[in-house]
Amino acid sequence: MQDQGKQPNQTEPALKQALGHPKRLEIFDYLTQKGGADGAELVEALDLPASRVKYHLSVLQGADLIAYAEERGRGSTNRYVAAA
């Protein structure tokens, strides 16, 4: 019988799956080190097609590891940032 006081941790498998791919880990590390980047910068830095970068970003977002931040001001850019 399962202990009623403990809830299974649903986050851990999602994190392992999200960071289990070398390119996603590379993207996460890049965003952490640079403080954020837009999609075009990631495509160039990782030498991946835009569609693959977008896919990997969506997996990382689904695991709440990164967020899409709209920056207002000069040029109004949208950037992906590592979640706090």
Protein backbone atom coordinates (compact mmCIF):
# COMPACT_ATOMS: atom_id res chain seq x y z
CA MET A 1 0.00 0.00 0.00
CA GLN A 2 1.32 3.44 -0.96
CA ASP A 3 2.12 5.95 1.78
CA GLN A 4 -0.64 8.58 1.64
CA GLY A 5 1.68 11.29 3.00
CA LYS A 6 3.99 11.25 -0.01
CA GLN A 7 3.07 12.53 -3.45
CA PRO A 8 5.00 11.18 -6.42
CA ASN A 9 7.38 13.78 -7.83
CA GLN A 10 6.17 14.50 -11.38
CA THR A 11 8.83 17.16 -11.96
CA GLU A 12 11.88 14.94 -11.81
CA PRO A 13 11.11 12.84 -14.94
CA ALA A 14 10.27 15.99 -16.91
CA LEU A 15 13.58 17.58 -15.93
CA LYS A 16 15.53 14.44 -16.81
CA GLN A 17 13.78 14.23 -20.17
CA ALA A 18 14.32 17.93 -20.90
CA LEU A 19 18.00 17.95 -19.99
CA GLY A 20 18.67 14.42 -21.20
CA HIS A 21 19.36 15.56 -24.75
CA PRO A 22 22.81 17.07 -25.37
CA LYS A 23 21.50 19.97 -27.49
CA ARG A 24 18.90 20.93 -24.88
CA LEU A 25 21.58 20.89 -22.22
CA GLU A 26 23.74 23.05 -24.50
CA ILE A 27 20.87 25.50 -25.04
CA PHE A 28 20.18 25.70 -21.30
CA ASP A 29 23.86 26.26 -20.53
CA TYR A 30 24.09 28.93 -23.23
CA LEU A 31 21.07 30.80 -21.89
CA THR A 32 22.40 30.56 -18.35
CA GLN A 33 25.84 31.88 -19.30
CA LYS A 34 24.64 34.63 -21.65
CA GLY A 35 21.67 35.73 -19.57
CA GLY A 36 19.34 35.02 -22.47
CA ALA A 37 19.22 34.95 -26.25
CA ASP A 38 16.77 35.26 -29.08
CA GLY A 39 16.00 32.41 -31.45
CA ALA A 40 18.25 33.67 -34.24
CA GLU A 41 21.22 33.91 -31.89
CA LEU A 42 20.65 30.34 -30.73
CA VAL A 43 20.39 29.07 -34.31
CA GLU A 44 23.73 30.69 -35.12
CA ALA A 45 25.50 29.71 -31.90
CA LEU A 46 24.36 26.07 -32.02
CA ASP A 47 24.56 25.59 -35.78
CA LEU A 48 21.12 23.97 -35.85
CA PRO A 49 18.13 24.56 -38.11
CA ALA A 50 15.59 26.99 -36.66
CA SER A 51 12.96 24.24 -36.49
CA ARG A 52 15.18 22.08 -34.25
CA VAL A 53 16.04 25.01 -31.98
CA LYS A 54 12.34 25.84 -31.67
CA TYR A 55 11.53 22.23 -30.78
CA HIS A 56 14.23 22.03 -28.13
CA LEU A 57 13.14 25.39 -26.69
CA SER A 58 9.55 24.14 -26.40
CA VAL A 59 10.70 21.05 -24.47
CA LEU A 60 12.73 23.23 -22.10
CA GLN A 61 9.78 25.58 -21.65
CA GLY A 62 7.48 22.64 -20.95
CA ALA A 63 9.78 21.62 -18.10
CA ASP A 64 9.77 25.22 -16.78
CA LEU A 65 13.53 25.49 -17.27
CA ILE A 66 13.36 28.51 -19.56
CA ALA A 67 10.92 31.33 -20.19
CA TYR A 68 10.15 33.60 -23.12
CA ALA A 69 10.67 37.20 -22.03
CA GLU A 70 9.51 40.23 -23.96
CA GLU A 71 11.93 43.10 -23.54
CA ARG A 72 10.70 46.58 -24.22
CA GLY A 73 12.89 49.50 -25.05
CA ARG A 74 15.33 49.91 -27.88
CA GLY A 75 14.27 47.56 -30.63
CA SER A 76 11.85 45.57 -28.45
CA THR A 77 13.41 42.12 -28.61
CA ASN A 78 12.03 38.82 -27.40
CA ARG A 79 14.47 36.56 -25.64
CA TYR A 80 14.57 33.17 -24.05
CA VAL A 81 16.00 33.20 -20.54
CA ALA A 82 16.81 30.51 -17.99
CA ALA A 83 14.02 30.37 -15.42
CA ALA A 84 14.80 31.62 -11.95
